[in-house]
Amino acid sequence: MVSWRGSLLHYETLVCSHPKEFKVLHQTLNTTLLHITWVILHSYIF
C-alpha cells in the first residue's frame, strides 16, 4: 500500500507542476472511460 500512496503523491506533484496538460489529459481519460462504459452497457442491454 506504500507504493500506491507514493505513486498517488507523485501524480499529484505532476498535476501541480503541469496543471493545464493534466486537465486536458484527465478530461480525455474521463470521456474515453464514459464512452467505453456506454458501449459495454449497450452491448449488454441490446
PDB file of N, CA and C in Angstrom:
ATOM      1  N   MET A   1       0.812  -1.206   0.000  1.00  0.00           N
ATOM      2  CA  MET A   1       0.000   0.000   0.000  1.00  0.00           C
ATOM      3  C   MET A   1       0.855   1.271   0.000  1.00  0.00           C
ATOM      4  N   VAL A   2       2.104   1.131   0.452  1.00  0.00           N
ATOM      5  CA  VAL A   2       3.007   2.287   0.484  1.00  0.00           C
ATOM      6  C   VAL A   2       3.303   2.779  -0.940  1.00  0.00           C
ATOM      7  N   SER A   3       3.508   1.836  -1.865  1.00  0.00           N
ATOM      8  CA  SER A   3       3.815   2.196  -3.242  1.00  0.00           C
ATOM      9  C   SER A   3       2.623   2.900  -3.911  1.00  0.00           C
ATOM     10  N   TRP A   4       1.394   2.448  -3.570  1.00  0.00           N
ATOM     11  CA  TRP A   4       0.187   3.068  -4.135  1.00  0.00           C
ATOM     12  C   TRP A   4       0.080   4.519  -3.695  1.00  0.00           C
ATOM     13  N   ARG A   5       0.304   4.752  -2.394  1.00  0.00           N
ATOM     14  CA  ARG A   5       0.240   6.119  -1.875  1.00  0.00           C
ATOM     15  C   ARG A   5       1.374   6.978  -2.419  1.00  0.00           C
ATOM     16  N   GLY A   6       2.526   6.359  -2.607  1.00  0.00           N
ATOM     17  CA  GLY A   6       3.671   7.067  -3.162  1.00  0.00           C
ATOM     18  C   GLY A   6       3.432   7.514  -4.594  1.00  0.00           C
ATOM     19  N   SER A   7       2.834   6.608  -5.388  1.00  0.00           N
ATOM     20  CA  SER A   7       2.548   6.938  -6.782  1.00  0.00           C
ATOM     21  C   SER A   7       1.456   8.001  -6.879  1.00  0.00           C
ATOM     22  N   LEU A   8       0.495   7.962  -5.959  1.00  0.00           N
ATOM     23  CA  LEU A   8      -0.564   8.961  -5.935  1.00  0.00           C
ATOM     24  C   LEU A   8       0.002  10.340  -5.613  1.00  0.00           C
ATOM     25  N   LEU A   9       0.929  10.366  -4.657  1.00  0.00           N
ATOM     26  CA  LEU A   9       1.591  11.612  -4.278  1.00  0.00           C
ATOM     27  C   LEU A   9       2.424  12.143  -5.449  1.00  0.00           C
ATOM     28  N   HIS A  10       3.096  11.243  -6.149  1.00  0.00           N
ATOM     29  CA  HIS A  10       3.890  11.599  -7.321  1.00  0.00           C
ATOM     30  C   HIS A  10       2.994  12.181  -8.411  1.00  0.00           C
ATOM     31  N   TYR A  11       1.827  11.566  -8.606  1.00  0.00           N
ATOM     32  CA  TYR A  11       0.854  12.032  -9.595  1.00  0.00           C
ATOM     33  C   TYR A  11       0.362  13.438  -9.246  1.00  0.00           C
ATOM     34  N   GLU A  12       0.052  13.664  -7.962  1.00  0.00           N
ATOM     35  CA  GLU A  12      -0.411  14.970  -7.521  1.00  0.00           C
ATOM     36  C   GLU A  12       0.659  16.038  -7.715  1.00  0.00           C
ATOM     37  N   THR A  13       1.912  15.670  -7.494  1.00  0.00           N
ATOM     38  CA  THR A  13       3.033  16.595  -7.712  1.00  0.00           C
ATOM     39  C   THR A  13       3.129  16.965  -9.185  1.00  0.00           C
ATOM     40  N   LEU A  14       2.965  15.966 -10.076  1.00  0.00           N
ATOM     41  CA  LEU A  14       2.991  16.211 -11.515  1.00  0.00           C
ATOM     42  C   LEU A  14       1.840  17.116 -11.939  1.00  0.00           C
ATOM     43  N   VAL A  15       0.655  16.872 -11.379  1.00  0.00           N
ATOM     44  CA  VAL A  15      -0.526  17.678 -11.701  1.00  0.00           C
ATOM     45  C   VAL A  15      -0.298  19.137 -11.294  1.00  0.00           C
ATOM     46  N   CYS A  16       0.317  19.333 -10.118  1.00  0.00           N
ATOM     47  CA  CYS A  16       0.582  20.688  -9.628  1.00  0.00           C
ATOM     48  C   CYS A  16       1.596  21.415 -10.508  1.00  0.00           C
ATOM     49  N   SER A  17       2.572  20.675 -11.041  1.00  0.00           N
ATOM     50  CA  SER A  17       3.600  21.306 -11.864  1.00  0.00           C
ATOM     51  C   SER A  17       3.159  21.509 -13.319  1.00  0.00           C
ATOM     52  N   HIS A  18       2.177  20.717 -13.792  1.00  0.00           N
ATOM     53  CA  HIS A  18       1.658  20.865 -15.158  1.00  0.00           C
ATOM     54  C   HIS A  18       0.130  20.825 -15.140  1.00  0.00           C
ATOM     55  N   PRO A  19      -0.536  21.819 -14.545  1.00  0.00           N
ATOM     56  CA  PRO A  19      -1.991  21.752 -14.397  1.00  0.00           C
ATOM     57  C   PRO A  19      -2.763  21.742 -15.714  1.00  0.00           C
ATOM     58  N   LYS A  20      -2.333  22.544 -16.689  1.00  0.00           N
ATOM     59  CA  LYS A  20      -3.074  22.627 -17.956  1.00  0.00           C
ATOM     60  C   LYS A  20      -3.054  21.317 -18.718  1.00  0.00           C
ATOM     61  N   GLU A  21      -1.859  20.724 -18.859  1.00  0.00           N
ATOM     62  CA  GLU A  21      -1.718  19.470 -19.599  1.00  0.00           C
ATOM     63  C   GLU A  21      -2.526  18.355 -18.952  1.00  0.00           C
ATOM     64  N   PHE A  22      -2.463  18.298 -17.612  1.00  0.00           N
ATOM     65  CA  PHE A  22      -3.162  17.219 -16.918  1.00  0.00           C
ATOM     66  C   PHE A  22      -4.672  17.404 -16.930  1.00  0.00           C
ATOM     67  N   LYS A  23      -5.123  18.665 -16.995  1.00  0.00           N
ATOM     68  CA  LYS A  23      -6.561  18.911 -17.075  1.00  0.00           C
ATOM     69  C   LYS A  23      -7.099  18.340 -18.380  1.00  0.00           C
ATOM     70  N   VAL A  24      -6.382  18.570 -19.467  1.00  0.00           N
ATOM     71  CA  VAL A  24      -6.762  18.048 -20.784  1.00  0.00           C
ATOM     72  C   VAL A  24      -6.715  16.523 -20.783  1.00  0.00           C
ATOM     73  N   LEU A  25      -5.611  15.974 -20.237  1.00  0.00           N
ATOM     74  CA  LEU A  25      -5.439  14.525 -20.178  1.00  0.00           C
ATOM     75  C   LEU A  25      -6.539  13.882 -19.357  1.00  0.00           C
ATOM     76  N   HIS A  26      -6.857  14.509 -18.218  1.00  0.00           N
ATOM     77  CA  HIS A  26      -7.894  13.989 -17.334  1.00  0.00           C
ATOM     78  C   HIS A  26      -9.255  13.999 -18.012  1.00  0.00           C
ATOM     79  N   GLN A  27      -9.571  15.080 -18.713  1.00  0.00           N
ATOM     80  CA  GLN A  27     -10.841  15.181 -19.430  1.00  0.00           C
ATOM     81  C   GLN A  27     -10.928  14.132 -20.532  1.00  0.00           C
ATOM     82  N   THR A  28      -9.813  13.921 -21.230  1.00  0.00           N
ATOM     83  CA  THR A  28      -9.760  12.913 -22.291  1.00  0.00           C
ATOM     84  C   THR A  28      -9.989  11.521 -21.717  1.00  0.00           C
ATOM     85  N   LEU A  29      -9.324  11.225 -20.592  1.00  0.00           N
ATOM     86  CA  LEU A  29      -9.479   9.922 -19.940  1.00  0.00           C
ATOM     87  C   LEU A  29     -10.921   9.717 -19.483  1.00  0.00           C
ATOM     88  N   ASN A  30     -11.520  10.742 -18.878  1.00  0.00           N
ATOM     89  CA  ASN A  30     -12.893  10.646 -18.410  1.00  0.00           C
ATOM     90  C   ASN A  30     -13.854  10.397 -19.561  1.00  0.00           C
ATOM     91  N   THR A  31     -13.669  11.123 -20.673  1.00  0.00           N
ATOM     92  CA  THR A  31     -14.518  10.958 -21.845  1.00  0.00           C
ATOM     93  C   THR A  31     -14.384   9.553 -22.420  1.00  0.00           C
ATOM     94  N   THR A  32     -13.144   9.070 -22.494  1.00  0.00           N
ATOM     95  CA  THR A  32     -12.884   7.730 -23.018  1.00  0.00           C
ATOM     96  C   THR A  32     -13.527   6.669 -22.130  1.00  0.00           C
ATOM     97  N   LEU A  33     -13.369   6.816 -20.812  1.00  0.00           N
ATOM     98  CA  LEU A  33     -13.952   5.860 -19.864  1.00  0.00           C
ATOM     99  C   LEU A  33     -15.470   5.857 -19.956  1.00  0.00           C
ATOM    100  N   LEU A  34     -16.061   7.047 -20.074  1.00  0.00           N
ATOM    101  CA  LEU A  34     -17.510   7.146 -20.216  1.00  0.00           C
ATOM    102  C   LEU A  34     -17.969   6.451 -21.488  1.00  0.00           C
ATOM    103  N   HIS A  35     -17.241   6.674 -22.568  1.00  0.00           N
ATOM    104  CA  HIS A  35     -17.583   6.072 -23.859  1.00  0.00           C
ATOM    105  C   HIS A  35     -17.500   4.555 -23.798  1.00  0.00           C
ATOM    106  N   ILE A  36     -16.419   4.039 -23.199  1.00  0.00           N
ATOM    107  CA  ILE A  36     -16.240   2.589 -23.060  1.00  0.00           C
ATOM    108  C   ILE A  36     -17.353   1.986 -22.206  1.00  0.00           C
ATOM    109  N   THR A  37     -17.671   2.649 -21.083  1.00  0.00           N
ATOM    110  CA  THR A  37     -18.740   2.179 -20.207  1.00  0.00           C
ATOM    111  C   THR A  37     -20.069   2.149 -20.946  1.00  0.00           C
ATOM    112  N   TRP A  38     -20.329   3.204 -21.725  1.00  0.00           N
ATOM    113  CA  TRP A  38     -21.553   3.320 -22.508  1.00  0.00           C
ATOM    114  C   TRP A  38     -21.670   2.171 -23.515  1.00  0.00           C
ATOM    115  N   VAL A  39     -20.574   1.905 -24.218  1.00  0.00           N
ATOM    116  CA  VAL A  39     -20.546   0.827 -25.214  1.00  0.00           C
ATOM    117  C   VAL A  39     -20.779  -0.524 -24.550  1.00  0.00           C
ATOM    118  N   ILE A  40     -20.118  -0.759 -23.413  1.00  0.00           N
ATOM    119  CA  ILE A  40     -20.276  -2.026 -22.685  1.00  0.00           C
ATOM    120  C   ILE A  40     -21.721  -2.200 -22.220  1.00  0.00           C
ATOM    121  N   LEU A  41     -22.281  -1.139 -21.652  1.00  0.00           N
ATOM    122  CA  LEU A  41     -23.665  -1.192 -21.181  1.00  0.00           C
ATOM    123  C   LEU A  41     -24.624  -1.499 -22.320  1.00  0.00           C
ATOM    124  N   HIS A  42     -24.434  -0.851 -23.452  1.00  0.00           N
ATOM    125  CA  HIS A  42     -25.312  -1.067 -24.596  1.00  0.00           C
ATOM    126  C   HIS A  42     -25.175  -2.461 -25.176  1.00  0.00           C
ATOM    127  N   SER A  43     -23.948  -2.999 -25.161  1.00  0.00           N
ATOM    128  CA  SER A  43     -23.754  -4.349 -25.688  1.00  0.00           C
ATOM    129  C   SER A  43     -24.408  -5.395 -24.781  1.00  0.00           C
ATOM    130  N   TYR A  44     -24.537  -5.075 -23.484  1.00  0.00           N
ATOM    131  CA  TYR A  44     -25.214  -5.995 -22.574  1.00  0.00           C
ATOM    132  C   TYR A  44     -26.729  -5.868 -22.672  1.00  0.00           C
ATOM    133  N   ILE A  45     -27.215  -4.632 -22.851  1.00  0.00           N
ATOM    134  CA  ILE A  45     -28.662  -4.394 -22.881  1.00  0.00           C
ATOM    135  C   ILE A  45     -29.273  -4.897 -24.190  1.00  0.00           C
ATOM    136  N   PHE A  46     -28.622  -4.568 -25.326  1.00  0.00           N
ATOM    137  CA  PHE A  46     -29.206  -4.932 -26.623  1.00  0.00           C
ATOM    138  C   PHE A  46     -28.550  -6.174 -27.207  1.00  0.00           C
TER     139      PHE A  46
END
